[in-house]
C-alpha atoms as a PDB file:
ATOM      1  CA  MET A   1      64.325 179.887  86.874  1.00  0.00           C
ATOM      2  CA  ALA A   2      61.515 177.466  85.887  1.00  0.00           C
ATOM      3  CA  ARG A   3      58.415 178.943  84.286  1.00  0.00           C
ATOM      4  CA  LYS A   4      55.139 178.456  86.142  1.00  0.00           C
ATOM      5  CA  ARG A   5      52.609 176.349  84.359  1.00  0.00           C
ATOM      6  CA  ALA A   6      49.162 177.895  83.893  1.00  0.00           C
ATOM      7  CA  VAL A   7      46.516 176.258  86.043  1.00  0.00           C
ATOM      8  CA  THR A   8      43.625 175.104  83.918  1.00  0.00           C
ATOM      9  CA  THR A   9      40.212 173.841  84.770  1.00  0.00           C
ATOM     10  CA  GLN A  10      37.375 172.493  82.950  1.00  0.00           C
ATOM     11  CA  VAL A  11      33.709 173.689  82.984  1.00  0.00           C
ATOM     12  CA  GLY A  12      30.610 172.579  81.183  1.00  0.00           C
ATOM     13  CA  ARG A  13      28.521 175.122  79.408  1.00  0.00           C
ATOM     14  CA  ASP A  14      25.113 174.820  77.711  1.00  0.00           C
ATOM     15  CA  ALA A  15      25.430 175.925  74.122  1.00  0.00           C
ATOM     16  CA  LYS A  16      21.935 177.342  73.971  1.00  0.00           C
ATOM     17  CA  THR A  17      21.685 179.247  77.183  1.00  0.00           C
ATOM     18  CA  GLY A  18      25.301 179.830  78.120  1.00  0.00           C
ATOM     19  CA  ARG A  19      24.757 178.583  81.664  1.00  0.00           C
ATOM     20  CA  PHE A  20      27.297 176.423  83.484  1.00  0.00           C
ATOM     21  CA  ILE A  21      26.410 172.882  83.840  1.00  0.00           C
ATOM     22  CA  PRO A  22      28.260 169.775  85.351  1.00  0.00           C
ATOM     23  CA  ILE A  23      31.057 168.361  83.252  1.00  0.00           C
ATOM     24  CA  LYS A  24      29.458 164.914  83.278  1.00  0.00           C
ATOM     25  CA  GLU A  25      26.216 166.252  81.860  1.00  0.00           C
ATOM     26  CA  ALA A  26      28.218 168.299  79.182  1.00  0.00           C
ATOM     27  CA  LYS A  27      30.015 165.198  77.977  1.00  0.00           C
ATOM     28  CA  ARG A  28      26.734 163.303  77.746  1.00  0.00           C
ATOM     29  CA  ARG A  29      24.887 166.091  75.745  1.00  0.00           C
ATOM     30  CA  LYS A  30      27.481 166.583  72.940  1.00  0.00           C
ATOM     31  CA  SER A  31      24.989 168.288  70.586  1.00  0.00           C
ATOM     32  CA  THR A  32      23.881 170.967  72.909  1.00  0.00           C
ATOM     33  CA  ALA A  33      26.710 171.474  75.376  1.00  0.00           C
ATOM     34  CA  VAL A  34      30.471 172.064  75.372  1.00  0.00           C
ATOM     35  CA  VAL A  35      33.378 171.354  77.795  1.00  0.00           C
ATOM     36  CA  GLU A  36      35.656 174.398  77.964  1.00  0.00           C
ATOM     37  CA  THR A  37      39.134 174.524  79.327  1.00  0.00           C
ATOM     38  CA  ILE A  38      39.769 177.826  81.138  1.00  0.00           C
ATOM     39  CA  LYS A  39      43.062 179.232  82.496  1.00  0.00           C
ATOM     40  CA  ARG A  40      42.820 180.127  86.140  1.00  0.00           C
ATOM     41  CA  ASN A  41      45.251 182.722  87.618  1.00  0.00           C
ATOM     42  CA  GLY A  42      45.083 181.725  91.259  1.00  0.00           C
ATOM     43  CA  LYS A  43      42.291 184.189  92.187  1.00  0.00           C
ATOM     44  CA  ALA A  44      38.885 183.178  93.494  1.00  0.00           C
ATOM     45  CA  LYS A  45      36.836 180.731  91.489  1.00  0.00           C
ATOM     46  CA  TYR A  46      33.919 182.949  91.342  1.00  0.00           C
ATOM     47  CA  ALA A  47      33.812 186.797  91.755  1.00  0.00           C
ATOM     48  CA  VAL A  48      32.191 187.870  94.987  1.00  0.00           C
ATOM     49  CA  SER A  49      30.650 191.072  95.427  1.00  0.00           C
ATOM     50  CA  ARG A  50      32.068 192.953  98.450  1.00  0.00           C
ATOM     51  CA  ARG A  51      29.594 196.000  98.457  1.00  0.00           C
ATOM     52  CA  ALA A  52      28.681 197.350 101.843  1.00  0.00           C
ATOM     53  CA  ARG A  53      25.033 196.724 102.920  1.00  0.00           C
ATOM     54  CA  PRO A  54      22.850 199.789 103.587  1.00  0.00           C
ATOM     55  CA  SER A  55      22.098 200.119 107.275  1.00  0.00           C
END
């Protein structure tokens, strides 16, 4: 049986604040930003809170 390859995606991150930024901007600002490669496991891209709203 063939092994599944890990799905990876790239994200840009500001090195000073830690906030996500577009990849193009991170490549342009090499001294203050990084492009990270993150393994994805097939779940949602961003966590979504599913708490019930108070009525």
